Amino acid sequence: MSNPEFSRSFDVRQVEGKSVRLVANEQERVALARRFGLVSVGRVEADIQLERDGTAVKANGRLAADIVQSCAVSGDDLPVTINESLSFRFVPQTSDHRPDEEIELGAGDLDEIEYSGAHFDLGEAVAQSLALAIDPFAVGPNAEEARQRAGIVGEEASGPFAALAALKKK
């Protein structure tokens, strides 16, 4: 597996009370745009407070990004600003399950990211949060016009109530 596009490794033993600011450079933004299928990524910044909790590390902060994605309907460029809170918990990797084994996750496990050795990758966690913040069905101002040109009718014009409305008009 290749290195993540926005890798920022931190040593678990040296993070207590540390505030960090992660900023993606131009090469990283181009790689992130390619990875996430975006037109471009103009800015990715994260301000994060790190706190040790035994062998785990809590990371809380904010992600700010400016991206350009394609409208899901028209394909037009759609500028989007992302401003999301971040909350991670990096925990030591456990080896109590096989790689292909299904495991049951509890609600508290969902924000945990395993690390091996003494380092965790905060940049990759931020990149994955960026991916989750992208709306894959975002539409721009020309979406309805593109639907009409393509002969695609909306749900209200094709659903069961539309059929009843058509009967009522007759």
N, C-alpha and C. Protein backbone atom coordinates (compact mmCIF):
# COMPACT_ATOMS: atom_id res chain seq x y z
N MET A 1 0.85 -1.19 0.00
CA MET A 1 0.00 0.00 0.00
C MET A 1 0.89 1.24 0.00
N SER A 2 0.52 2.23 -0.78
CA SER A 2 1.31 3.46 -0.85
C SER A 2 1.04 4.34 0.36
N ASN A 3 1.93 5.30 0.56
CA ASN A 3 1.76 6.23 1.67
C ASN A 3 0.55 7.11 1.45
N PRO A 4 -0.16 7.47 2.52
CA PRO A 4 -1.30 8.38 2.38
C PRO A 4 -0.86 9.73 1.82
N GLU A 5 -1.77 10.39 1.13
CA GLU A 5 -1.47 11.67 0.48
C GLU A 5 -1.21 12.79 1.49
N PHE A 6 -1.79 12.70 2.66
CA PHE A 6 -1.71 13.77 3.65
C PHE A 6 -1.26 13.18 4.99
N SER A 7 -0.11 12.54 4.98
CA SER A 7 0.39 11.84 6.16
C SER A 7 1.06 12.81 7.13
N ARG A 8 0.66 12.71 8.40
CA ARG A 8 1.28 13.49 9.48
C ARG A 8 1.39 12.56 10.68
N SER A 9 2.57 12.01 10.87
CA SER A 9 2.80 11.03 11.92
C SER A 9 3.18 11.72 13.23
N PHE A 10 2.62 11.22 14.33
CA PHE A 10 2.92 11.73 15.66
C PHE A 10 3.29 10.58 16.58
N ASP A 11 4.23 10.84 17.48
CA ASP A 11 4.65 9.86 18.47
C ASP A 11 3.72 9.97 19.67
N VAL A 12 3.11 8.86 20.03
CA VAL A 12 2.16 8.83 21.15
C VAL A 12 2.79 9.38 22.43
N ARG A 13 4.07 9.15 22.62
CA ARG A 13 4.76 9.53 23.86
C ARG A 13 5.03 11.03 23.95
N GLN A 14 4.81 11.77 22.84
CA GLN A 14 5.17 13.19 22.83
C GLN A 14 4.01 14.11 22.45
N VAL A 15 2.79 13.73 22.79
CA VAL A 15 1.65 14.53 22.35
C VAL A 15 0.87 15.22 23.46
N GLU A 16 1.16 14.92 24.70
CA GLU A 16 0.35 15.44 25.80
C GLU A 16 0.20 16.96 25.74
N GLY A 17 -1.05 17.39 25.66
CA GLY A 17 -1.36 18.82 25.67
C GLY A 17 -0.90 19.57 24.44
N LYS A 18 -0.61 18.88 23.38
CA LYS A 18 -0.07 19.51 22.18
C LYS A 18 -1.20 20.02 21.27
N SER A 19 -1.06 21.24 20.80
CA SER A 19 -1.97 21.80 19.79
C SER A 19 -1.24 21.76 18.46
N VAL A 20 -1.90 21.23 17.45
CA VAL A 20 -1.27 21.13 16.14
C VAL A 20 -2.17 21.74 15.08
N ARG A 21 -1.53 22.26 14.07
CA ARG A 21 -2.23 22.80 12.89
C ARG A 21 -1.68 22.04 11.69
N LEU A 22 -2.55 21.35 10.99
CA LEU A 22 -2.16 20.61 9.79
C LEU A 22 -2.67 21.37 8.58
N VAL A 23 -1.79 21.60 7.61
CA VAL A 23 -2.16 22.30 6.38
C VAL A 23 -1.62 21.50 5.20
N ALA A 24 -2.49 21.16 4.29
CA ALA A 24 -2.08 20.40 3.11
C ALA A 24 -1.42 21.33 2.10
N ASN A 25 -0.27 20.88 1.56
CA ASN A 25 0.39 21.68 0.53
C ASN A 25 -0.25 21.38 -0.84
N GLU A 26 0.21 22.07 -1.87
CA GLU A 26 -0.42 21.94 -3.19
C GLU A 26 -0.38 20.51 -3.71
N GLN A 27 0.75 19.85 -3.59
CA GLN A 27 0.88 18.47 -4.07
C GLN A 27 -0.08 17.54 -3.32
N GLU A 28 -0.22 17.72 -2.03
CA GLU A 28 -1.14 16.90 -1.24
C GLU A 28 -2.58 17.17 -1.63
N ARG A 29 -2.93 18.43 -1.90
CA ARG A 29 -4.30 18.76 -2.29
C ARG A 29 -4.65 18.16 -3.65
N VAL A 30 -3.71 18.17 -4.57
CA VAL A 30 -3.93 17.54 -5.89
C VAL A 30 -4.16 16.04 -5.71
N ALA A 31 -3.35 15.41 -4.87
CA ALA A 31 -3.48 13.96 -4.64
C ALA A 31 -4.81 13.64 -3.93
N LEU A 32 -5.22 14.48 -2.99
CA LEU A 32 -6.50 14.26 -2.31
C LEU A 32 -7.67 14.42 -3.28
N ALA A 33 -7.60 15.41 -4.16
CA ALA A 33 -8.65 15.59 -5.16
C ALA A 33 -8.77 14.36 -6.04
N ARG A 34 -7.65 13.82 -6.46
CA ARG A 34 -7.65 12.61 -7.30
C ARG A 34 -8.24 11.43 -6.51
N ARG A 35 -7.81 11.27 -5.28
CA ARG A 35 -8.28 10.15 -4.44
C ARG A 35 -9.79 10.20 -4.22
N PHE A 36 -10.34 11.38 -3.99
CA PHE A 36 -11.75 11.51 -3.66
C PHE A 36 -12.63 11.88 -4.86
N GLY A 37 -12.06 11.91 -6.06
CA GLY A 37 -12.84 12.18 -7.26
C GLY A 37 -13.38 13.60 -7.34
N LEU A 38 -12.58 14.55 -6.88
CA LEU A 38 -12.98 15.96 -6.88
C LEU A 38 -12.34 16.69 -8.05
N VAL A 39 -12.92 17.81 -8.44
CA VAL A 39 -12.33 18.66 -9.47
C VAL A 39 -11.04 19.25 -8.92
N SER A 40 -11.11 19.78 -7.69
CA SER A 40 -9.92 20.34 -7.05
C SER A 40 -10.13 20.47 -5.55
N VAL A 41 -9.04 20.61 -4.85
CA VAL A 41 -9.06 20.90 -3.42
C VAL A 41 -8.21 22.15 -3.24
N GLY A 42 -8.84 23.24 -2.83
CA GLY A 42 -8.13 24.51 -2.69
C GLY A 42 -7.50 24.71 -1.34
N ARG A 43 -8.08 24.05 -0.31
CA ARG A 43 -7.57 24.25 1.05
C ARG A 43 -8.01 23.08 1.92
N VAL A 44 -7.07 22.60 2.73
CA VAL A 44 -7.37 21.63 3.79
C VAL A 44 -6.54 22.04 4.99
N GLU A 45 -7.22 22.39 6.07
CA GLU A 45 -6.56 22.80 7.30
C GLU A 45 -7.29 22.17 8.48
N ALA A 46 -6.52 21.79 9.48
CA ALA A 46 -7.13 21.25 10.69
C ALA A 46 -6.36 21.76 11.91
N ASP A 47 -7.11 22.24 12.88
CA ASP A 47 -6.54 22.66 14.17
C ASP A 47 -7.01 21.64 15.19
N ILE A 48 -6.05 20.97 15.84
CA ILE A 48 -6.38 19.83 16.69
C ILE A 48 -5.62 19.91 18.01
N GLN A 49 -6.32 19.59 19.07
CA GLN A 49 -5.74 19.49 20.41
C GLN A 49 -5.57 18.00 20.73
N LEU A 50 -4.34 17.61 21.12
CA LEU A 50 -4.03 16.21 21.43
C LEU A 50 -3.88 16.03 22.93
N GLU A 51 -4.39 14.92 23.44
CA GLU A 51 -4.32 14.63 24.86
C GLU A 51 -4.15 13.12 25.06
N ARG A 52 -3.14 12.75 25.82
CA ARG A 52 -2.91 11.33 26.10
C ARG A 52 -3.90 10.82 27.13
N ASP A 53 -4.28 9.56 26.93
CA ASP A 53 -5.16 8.85 27.85
C ASP A 53 -4.59 7.45 27.98
N GLY A 54 -3.54 7.32 28.78
CA GLY A 54 -2.81 6.05 28.86
C GLY A 54 -2.07 5.81 27.56
N THR A 55 -2.35 4.69 26.91
CA THR A 55 -1.73 4.39 25.61
C THR A 55 -2.56 4.94 24.46
N ALA A 56 -3.72 5.49 24.76
CA ALA A 56 -4.57 6.08 23.73
C ALA A 56 -4.31 7.58 23.64
N VAL A 57 -4.72 8.17 22.51
CA VAL A 57 -4.60 9.62 22.31
C VAL A 57 -5.94 10.14 21.85
N LYS A 58 -6.45 11.15 22.55
CA LYS A 58 -7.68 11.82 22.13
C LYS A 58 -7.28 13.01 21.27
N ALA A 59 -7.99 13.20 20.17
CA ALA A 59 -7.73 14.31 19.26
C ALA A 59 -9.06 15.00 18.96
N ASN A 60 -9.15 16.27 19.29
CA ASN A 60 -10.37 17.04 19.05
C ASN A 60 -10.01 18.35 18.38
N GLY A 61 -10.83 18.76 17.42
CA GLY A 61 -10.56 20.02 16.74
C GLY A 61 -11.53 20.31 15.62
N ARG A 62 -11.04 21.03 14.60
CA ARG A 62 -11.88 21.44 13.48
C ARG A 62 -11.15 21.22 12.17
N LEU A 63 -11.92 20.87 11.17
CA LEU A 63 -11.44 20.73 9.80
C LEU A 63 -12.08 21.83 8.97
N ALA A 64 -11.26 22.54 8.20
CA ALA A 64 -11.75 23.55 7.27
C ALA A 64 -11.18 23.22 5.89
N ALA A 65 -12.04 23.20 4.89
CA ALA A 65 -11.58 22.86 3.54
C ALA A 65 -12.42 23.59 2.50
N ASP A 66 -11.80 23.90 1.38
CA ASP A 66 -12.48 24.43 0.21
C ASP A 66 -12.23 23.45 -0.92
N ILE A 67 -13.31 22.92 -1.48
CA ILE A 67 -13.20 21.95 -2.56
C ILE A 67 -14.08 22.37 -3.72
N VAL A 68 -13.81 21.80 -4.87
CA VAL A 68 -14.69 21.94 -6.03
C VAL A 68 -15.02 20.53 -6.47
N GLN A 69 -16.32 20.20 -6.43
CA GLN A 69 -16.77 18.89 -6.87
C GLN A 69 -17.73 19.06 -8.04
N SER A 70 -18.02 17.98 -8.70
CA SER A 70 -18.96 18.03 -9.82
C SER A 70 -20.38 17.89 -9.29
N CYS A 71 -21.28 18.68 -9.84
CA CYS A 71 -22.70 18.54 -9.54
C CYS A 71 -23.12 17.13 -9.93
N ALA A 72 -23.85 16.46 -9.07
CA ALA A 72 -24.25 15.07 -9.31
C ALA A 72 -25.20 14.93 -10.50
N VAL A 73 -25.82 16.01 -10.93
CA VAL A 73 -26.78 15.94 -12.03
C VAL A 73 -26.21 16.55 -13.31
N SER A 74 -25.74 17.79 -13.23
CA SER A 74 -25.30 18.50 -14.44
C SER A 74 -23.82 18.31 -14.74
N GLY A 75 -23.04 17.93 -13.74
CA GLY A 75 -21.59 17.82 -13.93
C GLY A 75 -20.87 19.14 -13.81
N ASP A 76 -21.60 20.23 -13.59
CA ASP A 76 -20.98 21.55 -13.43
C ASP A 76 -20.09 21.57 -12.20
N ASP A 77 -19.07 22.43 -12.23
CA ASP A 77 -18.22 22.62 -11.06
C ASP A 77 -19.04 23.25 -9.94
N LEU A 78 -18.88 22.70 -8.75
CA LEU A 78 -19.66 23.16 -7.61
C LEU A 78 -18.71 23.44 -6.44
N PRO A 79 -18.41 24.73 -6.17
CA PRO A 79 -17.53 25.06 -5.04
C PRO A 79 -18.24 24.78 -3.71
N VAL A 80 -17.51 24.16 -2.78
CA VAL A 80 -18.07 23.80 -1.48
C VAL A 80 -17.06 24.15 -0.39
N THR A 81 -17.55 24.73 0.69
CA THR A 81 -16.72 24.98 1.86
C THR A 81 -17.14 24.00 2.95
N ILE A 82 -16.15 23.35 3.54
CA ILE A 82 -16.40 22.36 4.59
C ILE A 82 -15.85 22.91 5.89
N ASN A 83 -16.65 22.82 6.94
CA ASN A 83 -16.25 23.24 8.28
C ASN A 83 -16.84 22.23 9.24
N GLU A 84 -16.04 21.28 9.69
CA GLU A 84 -16.51 20.15 10.49
C GLU A 84 -15.72 20.04 11.78
N SER A 85 -16.39 19.60 12.83
CA SER A 85 -15.65 19.29 14.06
C SER A 85 -15.04 17.90 13.89
N LEU A 86 -13.91 17.70 14.57
CA LEU A 86 -13.20 16.43 14.51
C LEU A 86 -13.08 15.86 15.91
N SER A 87 -13.21 14.55 16.01
CA SER A 87 -13.01 13.88 17.29
C SER A 87 -12.56 12.45 17.01
N PHE A 88 -11.31 12.16 17.37
CA PHE A 88 -10.74 10.83 17.17
C PHE A 88 -10.19 10.33 18.48
N ARG A 89 -10.04 9.02 18.53
CA ARG A 89 -9.32 8.40 19.64
C ARG A 89 -8.42 7.34 19.02
N PHE A 90 -7.12 7.56 19.10
CA PHE A 90 -6.15 6.62 18.56
C PHE A 90 -5.82 5.61 19.66
N VAL A 91 -5.94 4.33 19.33
CA VAL A 91 -5.72 3.27 20.32
C VAL A 91 -4.72 2.26 19.77
N PRO A 92 -3.98 1.59 20.66
CA PRO A 92 -3.03 0.58 20.19
C PRO A 92 -3.74 -0.53 19.43
N GLN A 93 -3.09 -1.01 18.39
CA GLN A 93 -3.65 -2.08 17.57
C GLN A 93 -3.76 -3.36 18.39
N THR A 94 -4.89 -4.02 18.27
CA THR A 94 -5.06 -5.30 18.94
C THR A 94 -4.95 -6.41 17.91
N SER A 95 -4.52 -7.56 18.36
CA SER A 95 -4.37 -8.68 17.42
C SER A 95 -5.29 -9.82 17.80
N ASP A 96 -6.43 -9.48 18.41
CA ASP A 96 -7.35 -10.53 18.85
C ASP A 96 -8.38 -10.91 17.79
N HIS A 97 -8.14 -10.50 16.52
CA HIS A 97 -9.02 -10.94 15.44
C HIS A 97 -8.20 -11.12 14.16
N ARG A 98 -8.68 -12.00 13.29
CA ARG A 98 -8.02 -12.27 12.01
C ARG A 98 -8.41 -11.17 11.02
N PRO A 99 -7.57 -10.90 9.99
CA PRO A 99 -7.85 -9.82 9.04
C PRO A 99 -9.21 -9.92 8.34
N ASP A 100 -9.67 -11.13 8.00
CA ASP A 100 -10.94 -11.28 7.28
C ASP A 100 -12.12 -11.56 8.20
N GLU A 101 -11.88 -11.57 9.48
CA GLU A 101 -12.93 -11.89 10.45
C GLU A 101 -13.84 -10.69 10.67
N GLU A 102 -15.16 -10.96 10.72
CA GLU A 102 -16.10 -9.90 11.04
C GLU A 102 -16.05 -9.66 12.54
N ILE A 103 -16.08 -8.38 12.92
CA ILE A 103 -16.08 -8.06 14.35
C ILE A 103 -17.25 -7.12 14.64
N GLU A 104 -17.77 -7.21 15.82
CA GLU A 104 -18.88 -6.37 16.26
C GLU A 104 -18.31 -5.10 16.89
N LEU A 105 -18.76 -3.95 16.41
CA LEU A 105 -18.30 -2.67 16.96
C LEU A 105 -19.39 -2.06 17.82
N GLY A 106 -18.99 -1.56 18.97
CA GLY A 106 -19.91 -0.83 19.82
C GLY A 106 -19.90 0.64 19.44
N ALA A 107 -20.84 1.41 19.96
CA ALA A 107 -20.93 2.84 19.63
C ALA A 107 -19.64 3.57 19.97
N GLY A 108 -18.97 3.21 21.05
CA GLY A 108 -17.74 3.87 21.45
C GLY A 108 -16.55 3.51 20.59
N ASP A 109 -16.66 2.42 19.85
CA ASP A 109 -15.55 1.97 19.00
C ASP A 109 -15.49 2.70 17.66
N LEU A 110 -16.55 3.36 17.28
CA LEU A 110 -16.64 3.89 15.93
C LEU A 110 -15.68 5.03 15.65
N ASP A 111 -15.27 5.77 16.64
CA ASP A 111 -14.33 6.87 16.43
C ASP A 111 -12.91 6.50 16.82
N GLU A 112 -12.67 5.21 17.03
CA GLU A 112 -11.33 4.76 17.40
C GLU A 112 -10.56 4.33 16.17
N ILE A 113 -9.31 4.75 16.12
CA ILE A 113 -8.42 4.41 15.01
C ILE A 113 -7.21 3.71 15.62
N GLU A 114 -6.96 2.50 15.15
CA GLU A 114 -5.84 1.74 15.69
C GLU A 114 -4.52 2.23 15.10
N TYR A 115 -3.47 2.16 15.91
CA TYR A 115 -2.11 2.45 15.44
C TYR A 115 -1.22 1.32 15.92
N SER A 116 -0.10 1.15 15.22
CA SER A 116 0.87 0.14 15.66
C SER A 116 2.17 0.83 16.01
N GLY A 117 2.92 0.22 16.91
CA GLY A 117 4.16 0.84 17.36
C GLY A 117 3.86 2.02 18.26
N ALA A 118 4.60 3.10 18.08
CA ALA A 118 4.43 4.28 18.93
C ALA A 118 3.93 5.49 18.14
N HIS A 119 3.52 5.29 16.87
CA HIS A 119 3.11 6.42 16.03
C HIS A 119 1.71 6.23 15.47
N PHE A 120 1.00 7.34 15.31
CA PHE A 120 -0.31 7.34 14.65
C PHE A 120 -0.29 8.42 13.59
N ASP A 121 -1.15 8.27 12.58
CA ASP A 121 -1.17 9.20 11.45
C ASP A 121 -2.40 10.11 11.55
N LEU A 122 -2.20 11.28 12.10
CA LEU A 122 -3.28 12.24 12.27
C LEU A 122 -3.73 12.82 10.93
N GLY A 123 -2.79 13.00 10.00
CA GLY A 123 -3.14 13.55 8.68
C GLY A 123 -4.09 12.64 7.93
N GLU A 124 -3.86 11.34 7.97
CA GLU A 124 -4.75 10.40 7.28
C GLU A 124 -6.14 10.41 7.91
N ALA A 125 -6.20 10.54 9.23
CA ALA A 125 -7.50 10.63 9.90
C ALA A 125 -8.26 11.88 9.44
N VAL A 126 -7.54 12.99 9.27
CA VAL A 126 -8.15 14.22 8.78
C VAL A 126 -8.62 14.04 7.33
N ALA A 127 -7.80 13.39 6.50
CA ALA A 127 -8.17 13.14 5.10
C ALA A 127 -9.43 12.29 5.03
N GLN A 128 -9.53 11.27 5.87
CA GLN A 128 -10.72 10.42 5.87
C GLN A 128 -11.95 11.21 6.34
N SER A 129 -11.77 12.14 7.27
CA SER A 129 -12.88 12.98 7.70
C SER A 129 -13.33 13.91 6.58
N LEU A 130 -12.37 14.39 5.80
CA LEU A 130 -12.71 15.20 4.64
C LEU A 130 -13.58 14.39 3.69
N ALA A 131 -13.18 13.15 3.43
CA ALA A 131 -13.95 12.29 2.52
C ALA A 131 -15.38 12.11 3.02
N LEU A 132 -15.54 11.93 4.32
CA LEU A 132 -16.87 11.73 4.89
C LEU A 132 -17.72 13.00 4.84
N ALA A 133 -17.08 14.16 4.79
CA ALA A 133 -17.81 15.43 4.76
C ALA A 133 -18.30 15.80 3.36
N ILE A 134 -17.80 15.11 2.34
CA ILE A 134 -18.19 15.41 0.96
C ILE A 134 -19.55 14.81 0.67
N ASP A 135 -20.47 15.62 0.18
CA ASP A 135 -21.81 15.15 -0.19
C ASP A 135 -21.74 14.56 -1.60
N PRO A 136 -21.87 13.24 -1.74
CA PRO A 136 -21.75 12.63 -3.08
C PRO A 136 -22.92 12.96 -4.00
N PHE A 137 -24.00 13.51 -3.44
CA PHE A 137 -25.17 13.83 -4.25
C PHE A 137 -25.42 15.34 -4.31
N ALA A 138 -24.39 16.13 -4.09
CA ALA A 138 -24.53 17.59 -4.12
C ALA A 138 -24.97 18.04 -5.51
N VAL A 139 -25.90 18.98 -5.54
CA VAL A 139 -26.39 19.51 -6.81
C VAL A 139 -26.24 21.01 -6.84
N GLY A 140 -25.99 21.52 -8.01
CA GLY A 140 -25.81 22.94 -8.20
C GLY A 140 -27.06 23.61 -8.75
N PRO A 141 -26.95 24.89 -9.07
CA PRO A 141 -28.12 25.66 -9.50
C PRO A 141 -28.67 25.23 -10.87
N ASN A 142 -27.88 24.54 -11.68
CA ASN A 142 -28.36 24.12 -13.01
C ASN A 142 -28.86 22.68 -13.04
N ALA A 143 -29.00 22.07 -11.88
CA ALA A 143 -29.40 20.65 -11.82
C ALA A 143 -30.78 20.41 -12.40
N GLU A 144 -31.74 21.23 -12.03
CA GLU A 144 -33.12 21.02 -12.50
C GLU A 144 -33.22 21.18 -14.01
N GLU A 145 -32.53 22.17 -14.54
CA GLU A 145 -32.51 22.37 -15.99
C GLU A 145 -31.88 21.16 -16.69
N ALA A 146 -30.81 20.62 -16.15
CA ALA A 146 -30.16 19.44 -16.73
C ALA A 146 -31.09 18.23 -16.68
N ARG A 147 -31.85 18.08 -15.59
CA ARG A 147 -32.83 16.99 -15.49
C ARG A 147 -33.88 17.10 -16.59
N GLN A 148 -34.39 18.32 -16.78
CA GLN A 148 -35.43 18.53 -17.79
C GLN A 148 -34.91 18.26 -19.20
N ARG A 149 -33.68 18.72 -19.48
CA ARG A 149 -33.08 18.47 -20.81
C ARG A 149 -32.92 16.97 -21.07
N ALA A 150 -32.63 16.23 -20.01
CA ALA A 150 -32.42 14.79 -20.14
C ALA A 150 -33.72 14.01 -20.07
N GLY A 151 -34.83 14.70 -19.82
CA GLY A 151 -36.12 14.03 -19.74
C GLY A 151 -36.34 13.29 -18.44
N ILE A 152 -35.58 13.68 -17.44
CA ILE A 152 -35.73 13.06 -16.13
C ILE A 152 -36.74 13.86 -15.34
N VAL A 153 -37.81 13.18 -14.91
CA VAL A 153 -38.83 13.87 -14.13
C VAL A 153 -38.55 13.64 -12.66
N GLY A 154 -38.95 14.57 -11.85
CA GLY A 154 -38.74 14.44 -10.41
C GLY A 154 -39.67 13.42 -9.79
N GLU A 155 -39.41 13.05 -8.57
CA GLU A 155 -40.22 12.05 -7.86
C GLU A 155 -41.67 12.49 -7.76
N GLU A 156 -41.89 13.80 -7.55
CA GLU A 156 -43.26 14.29 -7.41
C GLU A 156 -44.05 14.17 -8.72
N ALA A 157 -43.35 14.11 -9.85
CA ALA A 157 -44.03 13.98 -11.14
C ALA A 157 -44.14 12.52 -11.59
N SER A 158 -43.57 11.59 -10.82
CA SER A 158 -43.61 10.20 -11.26
C SER A 158 -44.06 9.23 -10.17
N GLY A 159 -44.30 9.72 -8.97
CA GLY A 159 -44.67 8.84 -7.86
C GLY A 159 -46.14 8.50 -7.87
N PRO A 160 -46.61 7.80 -6.85
CA PRO A 160 -48.01 7.37 -6.79
C PRO A 160 -48.99 8.54 -6.70
N PHE A 161 -48.58 9.64 -6.05
CA PHE A 161 -49.48 10.77 -5.95
C PHE A 161 -49.62 11.50 -7.29
N ALA A 162 -48.59 11.43 -8.12
CA ALA A 162 -48.69 12.01 -9.45
C ALA A 162 -49.72 11.26 -10.28
N ALA A 163 -49.78 9.95 -10.13
CA ALA A 163 -50.78 9.17 -10.86
C ALA A 163 -52.18 9.55 -10.39
N LEU A 164 -52.38 9.74 -9.09
CA LEU A 164 -53.67 10.15 -8.59
C LEU A 164 -54.05 11.54 -9.09
N ALA A 165 -53.07 12.45 -9.12
CA ALA A 165 -53.32 13.80 -9.61
C ALA A 165 -53.71 13.77 -11.08
N ALA A 166 -53.09 12.90 -11.87
CA ALA A 166 -53.44 12.78 -13.28
C ALA A 166 -54.87 12.27 -13.46
N LEU A 167 -55.29 11.34 -12.63
CA LEU A 167 -56.67 10.83 -12.67
C LEU A 167 -57.66 11.91 -12.31
N LYS A 168 -57.29 12.74 -11.33
CA LYS A 168 -58.17 13.80 -10.86
C LYS A 168 -58.41 14.83 -11.96
N LYS A 169 -57.36 15.12 -12.75
CA LYS A 169 -57.47 16.11 -13.83
C LYS A 169 -58.41 15.63 -14.92
N LYS A 170 -58.50 14.30 -15.12
CA LYS A 170 -59.39 13.74 -16.15
C LYS A 170 -60.82 13.84 -15.66
